[in-house]
Amino acid sequence: MRKHTIPKLCGLGLLLAALASPAKANLFRVTELLVPNVESSSVSAINNRGQSVGTATTADGVTHAILWSGAAARDLGTWKGSMVTPLAINDAGEIAGFANAPRDGPHALVWRSSGWIDLGHGYAQGMNSGGQVVGYDQRGTLWSADSVTDLGNALAQGINDAGDIVGYRYAAGNPIAVVWRNGVLTDLERNGAAYSINGAGDIVGESRSATGQYQATLWNAQGKSLLGTTGDGEHSGAFDINERDQVVGYNNTGALLWTGQKQVDLNAVLANPPGGQFRLLLAIGINEGGQIAAVGTDANNYIRGYVLTPIPEPASLALVLGGLCLLPIGGKRDLRS
């Protein structure tokens, strides 16, 4: 007997659409970024393939760079015996970061294929899909395949695929958020810092509000917007922005997501919180699928890296099922079913 599955699914889609609340934030599934025989770890970036990078301290007290593909950890080791801090990863799996050599100071590094490549003195902070790396030594620096460019007296933090760069500089002891476009350095905001820029040129970071607190800030074609906090008088900051203008960061109480006109406390929208002393403290990175790299404490109060993966709302599923109603149903109908 043939079942009329499609009509039933259409009915389910309508029911889910009726039950869905458009004001409710998506839930997230939490994945703990574990390393065998390691009590603590941290994460600093995530790419569109769901790969994330960070650090973990082994039983012998040595901190190693770690690459996670999903929940599977790969130890990328150290550089000449020195701890490596990876801070960016692109979709090709290239990683940028730095190591502090005890006798030689900081070295900017990039991981390609199977090992660390020394870019020279400095701190690598950001990387784009073309493998361009930005950071700073005494001055802002852009490392490309065949050149090193002096960006001037500022600290570069992030770069998009068009080569636009953001960061901050100091004047009279105060930070000033800056952007480089076509090689021209422009001030964005006194008493501010810029950390990330997306393909549309939208920039996030932090700036001082009228009440004196630093708050998460968005700069775009419409101007400057303070993204706010979850309470009065709180400090907040924004670390990353994707092409959907979803922004991640933190405030005094924990990790935050800003999406659309909503500010979301990420600790309140977890489908599987681990319990105990677990708490998300900082949301560090976000990819185009809405996956978030975050740092928090685990159930035993150790620092740990996490990846948060969005779970579709009932309304999203309703759209999928509703679409089935528009599909033609082929074949002859069995009148006995």
C-alpha atoms as a PDB file:
ATOM      1  CA  MET A   1       0.000   0.000   0.000  1.00  0.00           C
ATOM      2  CA  ARG A   2       1.418   3.377  -0.956  1.00  0.00           C
ATOM      3  CA  LYS A   3       1.746   5.911   1.849  1.00  0.00           C
ATOM      4  CA  HIS A   4       0.900   9.569   1.228  1.00  0.00           C
ATOM      5  CA  THR A   5       4.144  10.760   2.859  1.00  0.00           C
ATOM      6  CA  ILE A   6       4.451  14.154   1.146  1.00  0.00           C
ATOM      7  CA  PRO A   7       1.048  15.478   2.290  1.00  0.00           C
ATOM      8  CA  LYS A   8       1.858  14.371   5.839  1.00  0.00           C
ATOM      9  CA  LEU A   9       5.187  16.203   5.699  1.00  0.00           C
ATOM     10  CA  CYS A  10       3.408  19.295   4.385  1.00  0.00           C
ATOM     11  CA  GLY A  11       1.084  19.158   7.353  1.00  0.00           C
ATOM     12  CA  LEU A  12       4.040  18.762   9.701  1.00  0.00           C
ATOM     13  CA  GLY A  13       5.708  21.759   8.080  1.00  0.00           C
ATOM     14  CA  LEU A  14       2.641  23.905   8.694  1.00  0.00           C
ATOM     15  CA  LEU A  15       2.469  22.742  12.302  1.00  0.00           C
ATOM     16  CA  LEU A  16       6.137  23.527  12.914  1.00  0.00           C
ATOM     17  CA  ALA A  17       5.749  26.944  11.327  1.00  0.00           C
ATOM     18  CA  ALA A  18       2.848  27.665  13.656  1.00  0.00           C
ATOM     19  CA  LEU A  19       4.840  26.563  16.704  1.00  0.00           C
ATOM     20  CA  ALA A  20       8.070  28.333  15.793  1.00  0.00           C
ATOM     21  CA  SER A  21       8.802  31.586  17.578  1.00  0.00           C
ATOM     22  CA  PRO A  22      10.645  34.045  15.310  1.00  0.00           C
ATOM     23  CA  ALA A  23      11.973  35.944  18.342  1.00  0.00           C
ATOM     24  CA  LYS A  24      13.702  32.905  19.856  1.00  0.00           C
ATOM     25  CA  ALA A  25      17.427  32.492  19.168  1.00  0.00           C
ATOM     26  CA  ASN A  26      18.754  29.291  17.657  1.00  0.00           C
ATOM     27  CA  LEU A  27      20.101  26.695  20.029  1.00  0.00           C
ATOM     28  CA  PHE A  28      23.716  25.587  19.704  1.00  0.00           C
ATOM     29  CA  ARG A  29      25.296  22.175  20.156  1.00  0.00           C
ATOM     30  CA  VAL A  30      28.526  22.386  22.180  1.00  0.00           C
ATOM     31  CA  THR A  31      31.638  20.387  21.220  1.00  0.00           C
ATOM     32  CA  GLU A  32      34.445  20.350  23.767  1.00  0.00           C
ATOM     33  CA  LEU A  33      37.877  20.597  22.145  1.00  0.00           C
ATOM     34  CA  LEU A  34      39.765  17.872  23.944  1.00  0.00           C
ATOM     35  CA  VAL A  35      43.362  16.719  23.644  1.00  0.00           C
ATOM     36  CA  PRO A  36      44.341  13.278  24.998  1.00  0.00           C
ATOM     37  CA  ASN A  37      45.951  13.452  28.459  1.00  0.00           C
ATOM     38  CA  VAL A  38      45.595  17.259  28.619  1.00  0.00           C
ATOM     39  CA  GLU A  39      43.534  19.047  31.266  1.00  0.00           C
ATOM     40  CA  SER A  40      43.183  22.449  29.600  1.00  0.00           C
ATOM     41  CA  SER A  41      43.053  23.905  26.108  1.00  0.00           C
ATOM     42  CA  SER A  42      42.149  27.141  24.374  1.00  0.00           C
ATOM     43  CA  VAL A  43      40.849  28.044  20.909  1.00  0.00           C
ATOM     44  CA  SER A  44      41.510  31.179  18.880  1.00  0.00           C
ATOM     45  CA  ALA A  45      39.975  30.820  15.380  1.00  0.00           C
ATOM     46  CA  ILE A  46      37.684  28.723  13.170  1.00  0.00           C
ATOM     47  CA  ASN A  47      37.417  28.376   9.379  1.00  0.00           C
ATOM     48  CA  ASN A  48      34.479  27.563   7.096  1.00  0.00           C
ATOM     49  CA  ARG A  49      35.354  23.852   7.129  1.00  0.00           C
ATOM     50  CA  GLY A  50      34.806  23.724  10.876  1.00  0.00           C
ATOM     51  CA  GLN A  51      38.526  23.418  11.601  1.00  0.00           C
ATOM     52  CA  SER A  52      39.705  25.334  14.642  1.00  0.00           C
ATOM     53  CA  VAL A  53      43.103  26.180  16.099  1.00  0.00           C
ATOM     54  CA  GLY A  54      44.392  26.899  19.557  1.00  0.00           C
ATOM     55  CA  THR A  55      46.734  25.624  22.219  1.00  0.00           C
ATOM     56  CA  ALA A  56      46.980  22.910  24.850  1.00  0.00           C
ATOM     57  CA  THR A  57      49.472  22.378  27.641  1.00  0.00           C
ATOM     58  CA  THR A  58      50.786  18.826  27.841  1.00  0.00           C
ATOM     59  CA  ALA A  59      51.600  16.891  31.008  1.00  0.00           C
ATOM     60  CA  ASP A  60      55.248  18.011  30.837  1.00  0.00           C
ATOM     61  CA  GLY A  61      54.139  21.657  31.059  1.00  0.00           C
ATOM     62  CA  VAL A  62      54.907  22.480  27.404  1.00  0.00           C
ATOM     63  CA  THR A  63      52.230  24.348  25.423  1.00  0.00           C
ATOM     64  CA  HIS A  64      51.641  23.031  21.887  1.00  0.00           C
ATOM     65  CA  ALA A  65      49.682  24.398  18.939  1.00  0.00           C
ATOM     66  CA  ILE A  66      46.636  22.250  18.157  1.00  0.00           C
ATOM     67  CA  LEU A  67      44.484  21.867  15.052  1.00  0.00           C
ATOM     68  CA  TRP A  68      41.019  20.406  15.560  1.00  0.00           C
ATOM     69  CA  SER A  69      39.011  18.987  12.661  1.00  0.00           C
ATOM     70  CA  GLY A  70      35.640  18.735  14.330  1.00  0.00           C
ATOM     71  CA  ALA A  71      36.547  17.143  17.658  1.00  0.00           C
ATOM     72  CA  ALA A  72      39.661  15.327  16.387  1.00  0.00           C
ATOM     73  CA  ALA A  73      42.887  16.945  17.604  1.00  0.00           C
ATOM     74  CA  ARG A  74      46.197  17.137  15.735  1.00  0.00           C
ATOM     75  CA  ASP A  75      49.284  18.258  17.646  1.00  0.00           C
ATOM     76  CA  LEU A  76      51.238  20.828  15.600  1.00  0.00           C
ATOM     77  CA  GLY A  77      53.955  20.957  18.209  1.00  0.00           C
ATOM     78  CA  THR A  78      56.271  23.864  18.937  1.00  0.00           C
ATOM     79  CA  TRP A  79      58.695  25.970  16.892  1.00  0.00           C
ATOM     80  CA  LYS A  80      62.341  25.340  17.780  1.00  0.00           C
ATOM     81  CA  GLY A  81      61.158  24.312  21.220  1.00  0.00           C
ATOM     82  CA  SER A  82      59.171  27.505  21.776  1.00  0.00           C
ATOM     83  CA  MET A  83      55.437  27.686  22.391  1.00  0.00           C
ATOM     84  CA  VAL A  84      53.416  28.609  19.293  1.00  0.00           C
ATOM     85  CA  THR A  85      50.236  30.672  19.617  1.00  0.00           C
ATOM     86  CA  PRO A  86      48.071  30.200  16.485  1.00  0.00           C
ATOM     87  CA  LEU A  87      45.594  33.030  15.912  1.00  0.00           C
ATOM     88  CA  ALA A  88      44.104  32.540  12.428  1.00  0.00           C
ATOM     89  CA  ILE A  89      43.202  29.726  10.020  1.00  0.00           C
ATOM     90  CA  ASN A  90      41.923  29.978   6.439  1.00  0.00           C
ATOM     91  CA  ASP A  91      39.853  27.483   4.451  1.00  0.00           C
ATOM     92  CA  ALA A  92      42.994  25.916   2.945  1.00  0.00           C
ATOM     93  CA  GLY A  93      44.045  24.931   6.461  1.00  0.00           C
ATOM     94  CA  GLU A  94      46.899  27.438   6.557  1.00  0.00           C
ATOM     95  CA  ILE A  95      47.519  28.808  10.048  1.00  0.00           C
ATOM     96  CA  ALA A  96      49.112  32.061  11.210  1.00  0.00           C
ATOM     97  CA  GLY A  97      50.509  32.776  14.651  1.00  0.00           C
ATOM     98  CA  PHE A  98      53.703  33.498  16.509  1.00  0.00           C
ATOM     99  CA  ALA A  99      56.301  32.051  18.854  1.00  0.00           C
ATOM    100  CA  ASN A 100      58.405  33.782  21.489  1.00  0.00           C
ATOM    101  CA  ALA A 101      61.944  32.495  21.146  1.00  0.00           C
ATOM    102  CA  PRO A 102      63.826  32.932  24.457  1.00  0.00           C
ATOM    103  CA  ARG A 103      66.933  34.484  22.871  1.00  0.00           C
ATOM    104  CA  ASP A 104      65.463  36.050  19.754  1.00  0.00           C
ATOM    105  CA  GLY A 105      62.063  37.453  20.699  1.00  0.00           C
ATOM    106  CA  PRO A 106      58.780  37.007  18.786  1.00  0.00           C
ATOM    107  CA  HIS A 107      58.674  35.367  15.352  1.00  0.00           C
ATOM    108  CA  ALA A 108      55.647  35.481  13.048  1.00  0.00           C
ATOM    109  CA  LEU A 109      54.868  32.003  11.732  1.00  0.00           C
ATOM    110  CA  VAL A 110      52.624  30.338   9.173  1.00  0.00           C
ATOM    111  CA  TRP A 111      51.771  26.627   8.970  1.00  0.00           C
ATOM    112  CA  ARG A 112      51.554  25.281   5.445  1.00  0.00           C
ATOM    113  CA  SER A 113      51.255  21.571   4.569  1.00  0.00           C
ATOM    114  CA  SER A 114      53.453  20.006   7.213  1.00  0.00           C
ATOM    115  CA  GLY A 115      55.449  22.542   9.183  1.00  0.00           C
ATOM    116  CA  TRP A 116      55.973  26.020  10.554  1.00  0.00           C
ATOM    117  CA  ILE A 117      57.515  28.646   8.268  1.00  0.00           C
ATOM    118  CA  ASP A 118      59.324  31.594   9.863  1.00  0.00           C
ATOM    119  CA  LEU A 119      58.154  34.934   8.459  1.00  0.00           C
ATOM    120  CA  GLY A 120      60.602  36.954  10.514  1.00  0.00           C
ATOM    121  CA  HIS A 121      60.376  38.997  13.673  1.00  0.00           C
ATOM    122  CA  GLY A 122      56.889  39.946  14.759  1.00  0.00           C
ATOM    123  CA  TYR A 123      53.469  38.756  15.840  1.00  0.00           C
ATOM    124  CA  ALA A 124      51.176  37.324  13.120  1.00  0.00           C
ATOM    125  CA  GLN A 125      47.537  38.079  13.982  1.00  0.00           C
ATOM    126  CA  GLY A 126      45.323  37.519  10.933  1.00  0.00           C
ATOM    127  CA  MET A 127      45.193  35.720   7.593  1.00  0.00           C
ATOM    128  CA  ASN A 128      42.936  35.724   4.507  1.00  0.00           C
ATOM    129  CA  SER A 129      42.017  32.998   2.019  1.00  0.00           C
ATOM    130  CA  GLY A 130      44.893  34.016  -0.265  1.00  0.00           C
ATOM    131  CA  GLY A 131      47.407  33.285   2.476  1.00  0.00           C
ATOM    132  CA  GLN A 132      48.285  36.929   3.173  1.00  0.00           C
ATOM    133  CA  VAL A 133      49.243  37.404   6.818  1.00  0.00           C
ATOM    134  CA  VAL A 134      49.083  40.588   8.905  1.00  0.00           C
ATOM    135  CA  GLY A 135      50.519  41.495  12.266  1.00  0.00           C
ATOM    136  CA  TYR A 136      53.217  43.699  13.635  1.00  0.00           C
ATOM    137  CA  ASP A 137      56.717  43.927  15.011  1.00  0.00           C
ATOM    138  CA  GLN A 138      57.522  47.497  15.942  1.00  0.00           C
ATOM    139  CA  ARG A 139      55.187  48.548  13.101  1.00  0.00           C
ATOM    140  CA  GLY A 140      52.249  47.001  11.239  1.00  0.00           C
ATOM    141  CA  THR A 141      53.320  44.344   8.735  1.00  0.00           C
ATOM    142  CA  LEU A 142      51.771  42.533   5.768  1.00  0.00           C
ATOM    143  CA  TRP A 143      53.448  39.282   4.737  1.00  0.00           C
ATOM    144  CA  SER A 144      52.556  38.101   1.215  1.00  0.00           C
ATOM    145  CA  ALA A 145      53.978  35.239  -0.839  1.00  0.00           C
ATOM    146  CA  ASP A 146      56.931  37.231  -2.159  1.00  0.00           C
ATOM    147  CA  SER A 147      57.001  40.475  -0.172  1.00  0.00           C
ATOM    148  CA  VAL A 148      56.896  42.126   3.240  1.00  0.00           C
ATOM    149  CA  THR A 149      55.071  45.466   3.447  1.00  0.00           C
ATOM    150  CA  ASP A 150      55.514  48.056   6.190  1.00  0.00           C
ATOM    151  CA  LEU A 151      52.029  49.264   7.171  1.00  0.00           C
ATOM    152  CA  GLY A 152      53.206  52.122   9.321  1.00  0.00           C
ATOM    153  CA  ASN A 153      52.977  52.900  12.997  1.00  0.00           C
ATOM    154  CA  ALA A 154      50.015  50.677  13.895  1.00  0.00           C
ATOM    155  CA  LEU A 155      49.247  47.136  15.029  1.00  0.00           C
ATOM    156  CA  ALA A 156      47.479  45.118  12.298  1.00  0.00           C
ATOM    157  CA  GLN A 157      44.911  42.598  13.567  1.00  0.00           C
ATOM    158  CA  GLY A 158      42.759  41.313  10.683  1.00  0.00           C
ATOM    159  CA  ILE A 159      42.579  41.178   6.882  1.00  0.00           C
ATOM    160  CA  ASN A 160      39.795  40.332   4.413  1.00  0.00           C
ATOM    161  CA  ASP A 161      40.119  38.704   0.994  1.00  0.00           C
ATOM    162  CA  ALA A 162      40.238  42.111  -0.738  1.00  0.00           C
ATOM    163  CA  GLY A 163      43.354  42.965   1.255  1.00  0.00           C
ATOM    164  CA  ASP A 164      41.680  45.519   3.543  1.00  0.00           C
ATOM    165  CA  ILE A 165      43.350  45.491   6.967  1.00  0.00           C
ATOM    166  CA  VAL A 166      42.208  46.641  10.412  1.00  0.00           C
ATOM    167  CA  GLY A 167      43.935  47.257  13.709  1.00  0.00           C
ATOM    168  CA  TYR A 168      44.841  50.091  16.015  1.00  0.00           C
ATOM    169  CA  ARG A 169      47.595  52.578  16.790  1.00  0.00           C
ATOM    170  CA  TYR A 170      48.513  54.644  19.807  1.00  0.00           C
ATOM    171  CA  ALA A 171      48.603  58.429  20.096  1.00  0.00           C
ATOM    172  CA  ALA A 172      49.314  60.211  23.371  1.00  0.00           C
ATOM    173  CA  GLY A 173      48.873  56.887  25.123  1.00  0.00           C
ATOM    174  CA  ASN A 174      45.373  56.262  23.757  1.00  0.00           C
ATOM    175  CA  PRO A 175      44.364  53.555  21.245  1.00  0.00           C
ATOM    176  CA  ILE A 176      42.873  54.611  17.902  1.00  0.00           C
ATOM    177  CA  ALA A 177      41.022  52.098  15.684  1.00  0.00           C
ATOM    178  CA  VAL A 178      42.364  52.157  12.111  1.00  0.00           C
ATOM    179  CA  VAL A 179      41.752  50.646   8.670  1.00  0.00           C
ATOM    180  CA  TRP A 180      44.057  50.289   5.676  1.00  0.00           C
ATOM    181  CA  ARG A 181      42.352  50.394   2.258  1.00  0.00           C
ATOM    182  CA  ASN A 182      44.449  50.409  -0.916  1.00  0.00           C
ATOM    183  CA  GLY A 183      47.501  51.016   1.212  1.00  0.00           C
ATOM    184  CA  VAL A 184      46.083  54.138   2.873  1.00  0.00           C
ATOM    185  CA  LEU A 185      45.873  54.197   6.673  1.00  0.00           C
ATOM    186  CA  THR A 186      42.729  55.905   8.028  1.00  0.00           C
ATOM    187  CA  ASP A 187      41.663  56.508  11.631  1.00  0.00           C
ATOM    188  CA  LEU A 188      38.239  55.098  12.523  1.00  0.00           C
ATOM    189  CA  GLU A 189      37.807  56.017  16.159  1.00  0.00           C
ATOM    190  CA  ARG A 190      39.793  57.594  18.955  1.00  0.00           C
ATOM    191  CA  ASN A 191      39.785  55.403  22.068  1.00  0.00           C
ATOM    192  CA  GLY A 192      39.020  52.299  20.028  1.00  0.00           C
ATOM    193  CA  ALA A 193      40.509  49.187  18.432  1.00  0.00           C
ATOM    194  CA  ALA A 194      39.456  47.189  15.350  1.00  0.00           C
ATOM    195  CA  TYR A 195      39.950  43.406  15.238  1.00  0.00           C
ATOM    196  CA  SER A 196      38.128  41.943  12.229  1.00  0.00           C
ATOM    197  CA  ILE A 197      36.805  42.989   8.793  1.00  0.00           C
ATOM    198  CA  ASN A 198      34.499  41.019   6.465  1.00  0.00           C
ATOM    199  CA  GLY A 199      34.267  41.005   2.674  1.00  0.00           C
ATOM    200  CA  ALA A 200      31.759  43.870   2.635  1.00  0.00           C
ATOM    201  CA  GLY A 201      34.171  46.035   4.601  1.00  0.00           C
ATOM    202  CA  ASP A 202      32.192  45.882   7.856  1.00  0.00           C
ATOM    203  CA  ILE A 203      34.535  46.164  10.841  1.00  0.00           C
ATOM    204  CA  VAL A 204      34.179  45.137  14.485  1.00  0.00           C
ATOM    205  CA  GLY A 205      36.135  45.881  17.615  1.00  0.00           C
ATOM    206  CA  GLU A 206      35.568  48.106  20.610  1.00  0.00           C
ATOM    207  CA  SER A 207      35.384  51.816  21.430  1.00  0.00           C
ATOM    208  CA  ARG A 208      34.741  53.972  24.461  1.00  0.00           C
ATOM    209  CA  SER A 209      31.112  54.877  25.039  1.00  0.00           C
ATOM    210  CA  ALA A 210      29.776  58.170  26.393  1.00  0.00           C
ATOM    211  CA  THR A 211      29.705  56.642  29.887  1.00  0.00           C
ATOM    212  CA  GLY A 212      33.400  55.732  29.691  1.00  0.00           C
ATOM    213  CA  GLN A 213      33.141  51.950  29.285  1.00  0.00           C
ATOM    214  CA  TYR A 214      34.569  50.203  26.254  1.00  0.00           C
ATOM    215  CA  GLN A 215      31.799  48.536  24.256  1.00  0.00           C
ATOM    216  CA  ALA A 216      31.611  46.210  21.272  1.00  0.00           C
ATOM    217  CA  THR A 217      31.456  48.362  18.144  1.00  0.00           C
ATOM    218  CA  LEU A 218      30.509  47.933  14.483  1.00  0.00           C
ATOM    219  CA  TRP A 219      31.749  50.298  11.780  1.00  0.00           C
ATOM    220  CA  ASN A 220      30.070  50.010   8.353  1.00  0.00           C
ATOM    221  CA  ALA A 221      28.811  52.143   5.471  1.00  0.00           C
ATOM    222  CA  GLN A 222      26.112  53.611   7.737  1.00  0.00           C
ATOM    223  CA  GLY A 223      28.682  54.728  10.319  1.00  0.00           C
ATOM    224  CA  LYS A 224      29.425  53.553  13.841  1.00  0.00           C
ATOM    225  CA  SER A 225      27.117  51.473  16.049  1.00  0.00           C
ATOM    226  CA  LEU A 226      27.655  50.435  19.650  1.00  0.00           C
ATOM    227  CA  LEU A 227      26.480  46.836  19.886  1.00  0.00           C
ATOM    228  CA  GLY A 228      25.842  47.182  23.602  1.00  0.00           C
ATOM    229  CA  THR A 229      26.038  44.842  26.564  1.00  0.00           C
ATOM    230  CA  THR A 230      23.545  42.860  28.591  1.00  0.00           C
ATOM    231  CA  GLY A 231      23.666  45.322  31.479  1.00  0.00           C
ATOM    232  CA  ASP A 232      24.428  48.929  32.386  1.00  0.00           C
ATOM    233  CA  GLY A 233      28.037  49.893  32.973  1.00  0.00           C
ATOM    234  CA  GLU A 234      29.492  46.685  31.572  1.00  0.00           C
ATOM    235  CA  HIS A 235      32.508  46.338  29.335  1.00  0.00           C
ATOM    236  CA  SER A 236      32.100  44.447  26.057  1.00  0.00           C
ATOM    237  CA  GLY A 237      34.156  43.739  22.968  1.00  0.00           C
ATOM    238  CA  ALA A 238      33.663  42.204  19.503  1.00  0.00           C
ATOM    239  CA  PHE A 239      36.329  39.907  18.060  1.00  0.00           C
ATOM    240  CA  ASP A 240      34.982  38.614  14.730  1.00  0.00           C
ATOM    241  CA  ILE A 241      32.325  39.193  12.048  1.00  0.00           C
ATOM    242  CA  ASN A 242      31.202  36.946   9.181  1.00  0.00           C
ATOM    243  CA  GLU A 243      29.648  37.796   5.811  1.00  0.00           C
ATOM    244  CA  ARG A 244      26.149  37.590   7.340  1.00  0.00           C
ATOM    245  CA  ASP A 245      27.114  40.381   9.766  1.00  0.00           C
ATOM    246  CA  GLN A 246      26.949  38.003  12.708  1.00  0.00           C
ATOM    247  CA  VAL A 247      29.343  39.256  15.375  1.00  0.00           C
ATOM    248  CA  VAL A 248      30.889  37.445  18.339  1.00  0.00           C
ATOM    249  CA  GLY A 249      32.589  38.723  21.467  1.00  0.00           C
ATOM    250  CA  TYR A 250      31.985  39.042  25.187  1.00  0.00           C
ATOM    251  CA  ASN A 251      30.937  41.177  28.115  1.00  0.00           C
ATOM    252  CA  ASN A 252      31.491  41.024  31.877  1.00  0.00           C
ATOM    253  CA  THR A 253      29.259  37.988  32.247  1.00  0.00           C
ATOM    254  CA  GLY A 254      30.331  35.813  29.310  1.00  0.00           C
ATOM    255  CA  ALA A 255      30.330  35.066  25.582  1.00  0.00           C
ATOM    256  CA  LEU A 256      27.951  36.972  23.296  1.00  0.00           C
ATOM    257  CA  LEU A 257      26.586  36.764  19.757  1.00  0.00           C
ATOM    258  CA  TRP A 258      25.055  39.735  17.968  1.00  0.00           C
ATOM    259  CA  THR A 259      22.836  38.702  15.051  1.00  0.00           C
ATOM    260  CA  GLY A 260      20.350  40.934  13.263  1.00  0.00           C
ATOM    261  CA  GLN A 261      18.962  43.223  15.927  1.00  0.00           C
ATOM    262  CA  LYS A 262      19.437  40.657  18.694  1.00  0.00           C
ATOM    263  CA  GLN A 263      22.104  40.295  21.340  1.00  0.00           C
ATOM    264  CA  VAL A 264      22.376  36.680  22.463  1.00  0.00           C
ATOM    265  CA  ASP A 265      23.892  35.372  25.693  1.00  0.00           C
ATOM    266  CA  LEU A 266      25.497  32.194  24.379  1.00  0.00           C
ATOM    267  CA  ASN A 267      25.374  30.496  27.776  1.00  0.00           C
ATOM    268  CA  ALA A 268      21.566  30.712  27.610  1.00  0.00           C
ATOM    269  CA  VAL A 269      21.097  29.023  24.210  1.00  0.00           C
ATOM    270  CA  LEU A 270      23.039  25.763  24.574  1.00  0.00           C
ATOM    271  CA  ALA A 271      21.269  22.502  23.850  1.00  0.00           C
ATOM    272  CA  ASN A 272      23.800  20.396  25.786  1.00  0.00           C
ATOM    273  CA  PRO A 273      25.585  22.474  28.459  1.00  0.00           C
ATOM    274  CA  PRO A 274      28.148  20.234  30.192  1.00  0.00           C
ATOM    275  CA  GLY A 275      27.126  21.282  33.714  1.00  0.00           C
ATOM    276  CA  GLY A 276      29.365  21.703  36.730  1.00  0.00           C
ATOM    277  CA  GLN A 277      31.449  24.886  36.589  1.00  0.00           C
ATOM    278  CA  PHE A 278      31.121  25.111  32.799  1.00  0.00           C
ATOM    279  CA  ARG A 279      30.725  28.627  31.423  1.00  0.00           C
ATOM    280  CA  LEU A 280      31.536  30.271  28.102  1.00  0.00           C
ATOM    281  CA  LEU A 281      33.678  33.354  28.735  1.00  0.00           C
ATOM    282  CA  LEU A 282      34.702  34.627  25.270  1.00  0.00           C
ATOM    283  CA  ALA A 283      33.394  34.017  21.745  1.00  0.00           C
ATOM    284  CA  ILE A 284      36.509  34.370  19.588  1.00  0.00           C
ATOM    285  CA  GLY A 285      35.560  33.505  15.996  1.00  0.00           C
ATOM    286  CA  ILE A 286      32.575  32.774  13.751  1.00  0.00           C
ATOM    287  CA  ASN A 287      32.437  31.173  10.300  1.00  0.00           C
ATOM    288  CA  GLU A 288      29.933  31.529   7.463  1.00  0.00           C
ATOM    289  CA  GLY A 289      27.874  28.599   8.733  1.00  0.00           C
ATOM    290  CA  GLY A 290      27.421  30.326  12.082  1.00  0.00           C
ATOM    291  CA  GLN A 291      29.769  27.991  13.971  1.00  0.00           C
ATOM    292  CA  ILE A 292      31.442  29.787  16.851  1.00  0.00           C
ATOM    293  CA  ALA A 293      34.828  29.216  18.485  1.00  0.00           C
ATOM    294  CA  ALA A 294      34.659  30.044  22.180  1.00  0.00           C
ATOM    295  CA  VAL A 295      36.760  29.823  25.337  1.00  0.00           C
ATOM    296  CA  GLY A 296      35.287  28.895  28.692  1.00  0.00           C
ATOM    297  CA  THR A 297      35.662  26.794  31.790  1.00  0.00           C
ATOM    298  CA  ASP A 298      34.767  23.105  31.789  1.00  0.00           C
ATOM    299  CA  ALA A 299      32.832  21.224  34.470  1.00  0.00           C
ATOM    300  CA  ASN A 300      36.013  21.037  36.586  1.00  0.00           C
ATOM    301  CA  ASN A 301      36.836  24.740  36.127  1.00  0.00           C
ATOM    302  CA  TYR A 302      39.739  24.163  33.699  1.00  0.00           C
ATOM    303  CA  ILE A 303      40.080  26.544  30.772  1.00  0.00           C
ATOM    304  CA  ARG A 304      38.831  24.821  27.621  1.00  0.00           C
ATOM    305  CA  GLY A 305      38.134  25.563  23.966  1.00  0.00           C
ATOM    306  CA  TYR A 306      34.692  24.879  22.492  1.00  0.00           C
ATOM    307  CA  VAL A 307      32.953  24.938  19.122  1.00  0.00           C
ATOM    308  CA  LEU A 308      29.270  25.872  19.049  1.00  0.00           C
ATOM    309  CA  THR A 309      27.266  24.590  16.081  1.00  0.00           C
ATOM    310  CA  PRO A 310      23.840  26.145  15.423  1.00  0.00           C
ATOM    311  CA  ILE A 311      20.829  23.833  15.457  1.00  0.00           C
ATOM    312  CA  PRO A 312      18.164  24.908  12.932  1.00  0.00           C
ATOM    313  CA  GLU A 313      15.040  26.450  14.416  1.00  0.00           C
ATOM    314  CA  PRO A 314      11.696  24.687  13.830  1.00  0.00           C
ATOM    315  CA  ALA A 315      10.891  27.463  11.351  1.00  0.00           C
ATOM    316  CA  SER A 316      13.915  26.478   9.246  1.00  0.00           C
ATOM    317  CA  LEU A 317      12.770  22.864   9.148  1.00  0.00           C
ATOM    318  CA  ALA A 318       9.278  24.055   8.304  1.00  0.00           C
ATOM    319  CA  LEU A 319      10.611  25.842   5.240  1.00  0.00           C
ATOM    320  CA  VAL A 320      12.310  22.659   4.060  1.00  0.00           C
ATOM    321  CA  LEU A 321       9.215  20.549   4.600  1.00  0.00           C
ATOM    322  CA  GLY A 322       6.982  23.244   3.143  1.00  0.00           C
ATOM    323  CA  GLY A 323       9.092  23.198   0.003  1.00  0.00           C
ATOM    324  CA  LEU A 324       8.240  19.531  -0.449  1.00  0.00           C
ATOM    325  CA  CYS A 325       4.633  20.561  -0.912  1.00  0.00           C
ATOM    326  CA  LEU A 326       5.611  22.338  -4.114  1.00  0.00           C
ATOM    327  CA  LEU A 327       7.308  19.283  -5.616  1.00  0.00           C
ATOM    328  CA  PRO A 328       5.400  17.351  -8.307  1.00  0.00           C
ATOM    329  CA  ILE A 329       4.519  13.813  -7.254  1.00  0.00           C
ATOM    330  CA  GLY A 330       5.248  11.512 -10.135  1.00  0.00           C
ATOM    331  CA  GLY A 331       3.883   8.116 -11.009  1.00  0.00           C
ATOM    332  CA  LYS A 332       0.365   6.693 -11.075  1.00  0.00           C
ATOM    333  CA  ARG A 333      -1.721   6.994  -7.999  1.00  0.00           C
ATOM    334  CA  ASP A 334      -2.838   3.763  -6.364  1.00  0.00           C
ATOM    335  CA  LEU A 335      -6.523   4.373  -5.561  1.00  0.00           C
ATOM    336  CA  ARG A 336      -6.454   1.588  -2.997  1.00  0.00           C
ATOM    337  CA  SER A 337      -3.898   3.452  -0.816  1.00  0.00           C
END
